[in-house]
């Protein structure tokens, strides 16, 4: 399981919920006491953040923390999709996915 994939999905959900509420990054940042740049980086999946920040985000986005988190299946599917950017045959993709699963199980 790739942590950057998780943060990217969470970031997309933060942006989606923020846009649904019609608030700016600066407004959300002020509510959860971080910089606007931090919100931009979170939404882009470029900034790791603690669980307490996830809870503050959820509170001010009026959603549950769980709704911002991807399922295991979504993370796995996203990891598979990210391999599509490379010109790999099916055997190479399979070997890479097997190696990832082996590392994750250790």
C-alpha atoms as a PDB file:
ATOM      1  CA  UNK A   1       0.000   0.000   0.000  1.00  0.00           C
ATOM      2  CA  UNK A   2       1.466   3.304  -1.094  1.00  0.00           C
ATOM      3  CA  UNK A   3       1.089   6.181   1.390  1.00  0.00           C
ATOM      4  CA  UNK A   4       1.299   8.808  -1.348  1.00  0.00           C
ATOM      5  CA  UNK A   5      -1.692   7.197  -3.069  1.00  0.00           C
ATOM      6  CA  UNK A   6      -3.695   7.453   0.145  1.00  0.00           C
ATOM      7  CA  UNK A   7      -2.836  11.125   0.619  1.00  0.00           C
ATOM      8  CA  UNK A   8      -3.721  11.892  -3.016  1.00  0.00           C
ATOM      9  CA  UNK A   9      -7.155  10.315  -2.647  1.00  0.00           C
ATOM     10  CA  UNK A  10      -7.767  12.059   0.679  1.00  0.00           C
ATOM     11  CA  UNK A  11      -6.664  15.341  -0.897  1.00  0.00           C
ATOM     12  CA  UNK A  12      -9.086  14.916  -3.786  1.00  0.00           C
ATOM     13  CA  UNK A  13     -11.902  14.324  -1.307  1.00  0.00           C
ATOM     14  CA  UNK A  14     -10.943  17.362   0.768  1.00  0.00           C
ATOM     15  CA  UNK A  15     -11.027  19.529  -2.368  1.00  0.00           C
ATOM     16  CA  UNK A  16     -14.346  18.055  -3.458  1.00  0.00           C
ATOM     17  CA  UNK A  17     -15.999  18.678  -0.088  1.00  0.00           C
ATOM     18  CA  UNK A  18     -14.525  22.168   0.188  1.00  0.00           C
ATOM     19  CA  UNK A  19     -15.827  23.053  -3.262  1.00  0.00           C
ATOM     20  CA  UNK A  20     -19.273  21.650  -2.382  1.00  0.00           C
ATOM     21  CA  UNK A  21     -19.381  24.021   0.588  1.00  0.00           C
ATOM     22  CA  UNK A  22     -18.216  26.902  -1.579  1.00  0.00           C
ATOM     23  CA  UNK A  23     -15.332  27.864   0.668  1.00  0.00           C
ATOM     24  CA  UNK A  24     -11.823  28.842  -0.349  1.00  0.00           C
ATOM     25  CA  UNK A  25      -8.602  27.168   0.683  1.00  0.00           C
ATOM     26  CA  UNK A  26      -7.822  30.253   2.769  1.00  0.00           C
ATOM     27  CA  UNK A  27     -11.149  30.036   4.607  1.00  0.00           C
ATOM     28  CA  UNK A  28     -10.675  26.340   5.392  1.00  0.00           C
ATOM     29  CA  UNK A  29      -7.073  26.955   6.447  1.00  0.00           C
ATOM     30  CA  UNK A  30      -8.166  29.621   8.907  1.00  0.00           C
ATOM     31  CA  UNK A  31     -10.803  27.305  10.414  1.00  0.00           C
ATOM     32  CA  UNK A  32      -8.351  24.467  11.043  1.00  0.00           C
ATOM     33  CA  UNK A  33      -5.447  26.776  11.915  1.00  0.00           C
ATOM     34  CA  UNK A  34      -3.010  25.919   9.133  1.00  0.00           C
ATOM     35  CA  UNK A  35      -1.672  27.939   6.210  1.00  0.00           C
ATOM     36  CA  UNK A  36      -3.470  28.163   2.866  1.00  0.00           C
ATOM     37  CA  UNK A  37      -0.392  26.564   1.329  1.00  0.00           C
ATOM     38  CA  UNK A  38      -0.856  23.581   3.643  1.00  0.00           C
ATOM     39  CA  UNK A  39      -4.425  23.145   2.396  1.00  0.00           C
ATOM     40  CA  UNK A  40      -3.223  23.386  -1.222  1.00  0.00           C
ATOM     41  CA  UNK A  41      -0.531  20.782  -0.531  1.00  0.00           C
ATOM     42  CA  UNK A  42      -2.990  18.495   1.286  1.00  0.00           C
ATOM     43  CA  UNK A  43      -5.414  18.679  -1.623  1.00  0.00           C
ATOM     44  CA  UNK A  44      -2.601  17.877  -4.043  1.00  0.00           C
ATOM     45  CA  UNK A  45      -1.543  14.883  -1.938  1.00  0.00           C
ATOM     46  CA  UNK A  46       1.859  16.463  -1.366  1.00  0.00           C
ATOM     47  CA  UNK A  47       1.633  16.962   2.391  1.00  0.00           C
ATOM     48  CA  UNK A  48       1.290  14.286   5.013  1.00  0.00           C
ATOM     49  CA  UNK A  49      -0.764  15.299   8.007  1.00  0.00           C
ATOM     50  CA  UNK A  50      -1.714  13.905  11.391  1.00  0.00           C
ATOM     51  CA  UNK A  51      -5.007  12.298  12.341  1.00  0.00           C
ATOM     52  CA  UNK A  52      -6.038  15.287  14.423  1.00  0.00           C
ATOM     53  CA  UNK A  53      -5.838  17.440  11.274  1.00  0.00           C
ATOM     54  CA  UNK A  54      -8.040  14.914   9.468  1.00  0.00           C
ATOM     55  CA  UNK A  55     -10.625  15.231  12.224  1.00  0.00           C
ATOM     56  CA  UNK A  56     -10.488  19.039  12.152  1.00  0.00           C
ATOM     57  CA  UNK A  57     -10.868  18.986   8.371  1.00  0.00           C
ATOM     58  CA  UNK A  58     -13.833  16.628   8.578  1.00  0.00           C
ATOM     59  CA  UNK A  59     -15.506  18.770  11.220  1.00  0.00           C
ATOM     60  CA  UNK A  60     -15.245  21.964   9.186  1.00  0.00           C
ATOM     61  CA  UNK A  61     -16.147  20.204   5.939  1.00  0.00           C
ATOM     62  CA  UNK A  62     -19.218  18.798   7.712  1.00  0.00           C
ATOM     63  CA  UNK A  63     -18.371  15.180   6.891  1.00  0.00           C
ATOM     64  CA  UNK A  64     -17.129  12.187   8.849  1.00  0.00           C
ATOM     65  CA  UNK A  65     -13.382  11.524   8.925  1.00  0.00           C
ATOM     66  CA  UNK A  66     -14.119   8.099   7.446  1.00  0.00           C
ATOM     67  CA  UNK A  67     -15.709   9.669   4.360  1.00  0.00           C
ATOM     68  CA  UNK A  68     -12.384  11.331   3.524  1.00  0.00           C
ATOM     69  CA  UNK A  69     -10.464   8.043   3.669  1.00  0.00           C
ATOM     70  CA  UNK A  70     -10.209   5.643   0.735  1.00  0.00           C
ATOM     71  CA  UNK A  71     -11.137   2.001   1.009  1.00  0.00           C
ATOM     72  CA  UNK A  72      -8.456  -0.659   0.614  1.00  0.00           C
ATOM     73  CA  UNK A  73      -9.897  -1.481  -2.786  1.00  0.00           C
ATOM     74  CA  UNK A  74      -9.651   2.153  -3.925  1.00  0.00           C
ATOM     75  CA  UNK A  75      -6.007   2.324  -2.870  1.00  0.00           C
ATOM     76  CA  UNK A  76      -5.186  -0.950  -4.624  1.00  0.00           C
ATOM     77  CA  UNK A  77      -7.004   0.139  -7.798  1.00  0.00           C
ATOM     78  CA  UNK A  78      -5.273   3.509  -7.787  1.00  0.00           C
ATOM     79  CA  UNK A  79      -1.895   1.793  -7.425  1.00  0.00           C
ATOM     80  CA  UNK A  80      -2.697  -0.423 -10.402  1.00  0.00           C
ATOM     81  CA  UNK A  81      -3.849   2.572 -12.432  1.00  0.00           C
ATOM     82  CA  UNK A  82      -0.589   4.389 -11.721  1.00  0.00           C
ATOM     83  CA  UNK A  83       1.279   1.593 -13.518  1.00  0.00           C
ATOM     84  CA  UNK A  84      -0.595   2.489 -16.708  1.00  0.00           C
ATOM     85  CA  UNK A  85       1.665   5.495 -17.261  1.00  0.00           C
ATOM     86  CA  UNK A  86       4.528   3.113 -18.015  1.00  0.00           C
ATOM     87  CA  UNK A  87       4.793   1.011 -21.133  1.00  0.00           C
ATOM     88  CA  UNK A  88       4.769  -2.383 -19.426  1.00  0.00           C
ATOM     89  CA  UNK A  89       3.435  -5.660 -20.637  1.00  0.00           C
ATOM     90  CA  UNK A  90       1.076  -7.669 -18.463  1.00  0.00           C
ATOM     91  CA  UNK A  91       3.860  -9.903 -17.114  1.00  0.00           C
ATOM     92  CA  UNK A  92       5.922  -6.890 -15.999  1.00  0.00           C
ATOM     93  CA  UNK A  93       2.877  -5.301 -14.325  1.00  0.00           C
ATOM     94  CA  UNK A  94       2.126  -8.569 -12.561  1.00  0.00           C
ATOM     95  CA  UNK A  95       5.714  -8.861 -11.289  1.00  0.00           C
ATOM     96  CA  UNK A  96       5.629  -5.293  -9.963  1.00  0.00           C
ATOM     97  CA  UNK A  97       2.269  -5.778  -8.227  1.00  0.00           C
ATOM     98  CA  UNK A  98       3.487  -9.056  -6.706  1.00  0.00           C
ATOM     99  CA  UNK A  99       6.607  -7.315  -5.384  1.00  0.00           C
ATOM    100  CA  UNK A 100       4.510  -4.521  -3.881  1.00  0.00           C
ATOM    101  CA  UNK A 101       2.235  -7.026  -2.160  1.00  0.00           C
ATOM    102  CA  UNK A 102       5.228  -8.930  -0.814  1.00  0.00           C
ATOM    103  CA  UNK A 103       6.758  -5.762   0.657  1.00  0.00           C
ATOM    104  CA  UNK A 104       3.430  -4.715   2.161  1.00  0.00           C
ATOM    105  CA  UNK A 105       2.962  -8.095   3.852  1.00  0.00           C
ATOM    106  CA  UNK A 106       6.381  -7.981   5.548  1.00  0.00           C
END
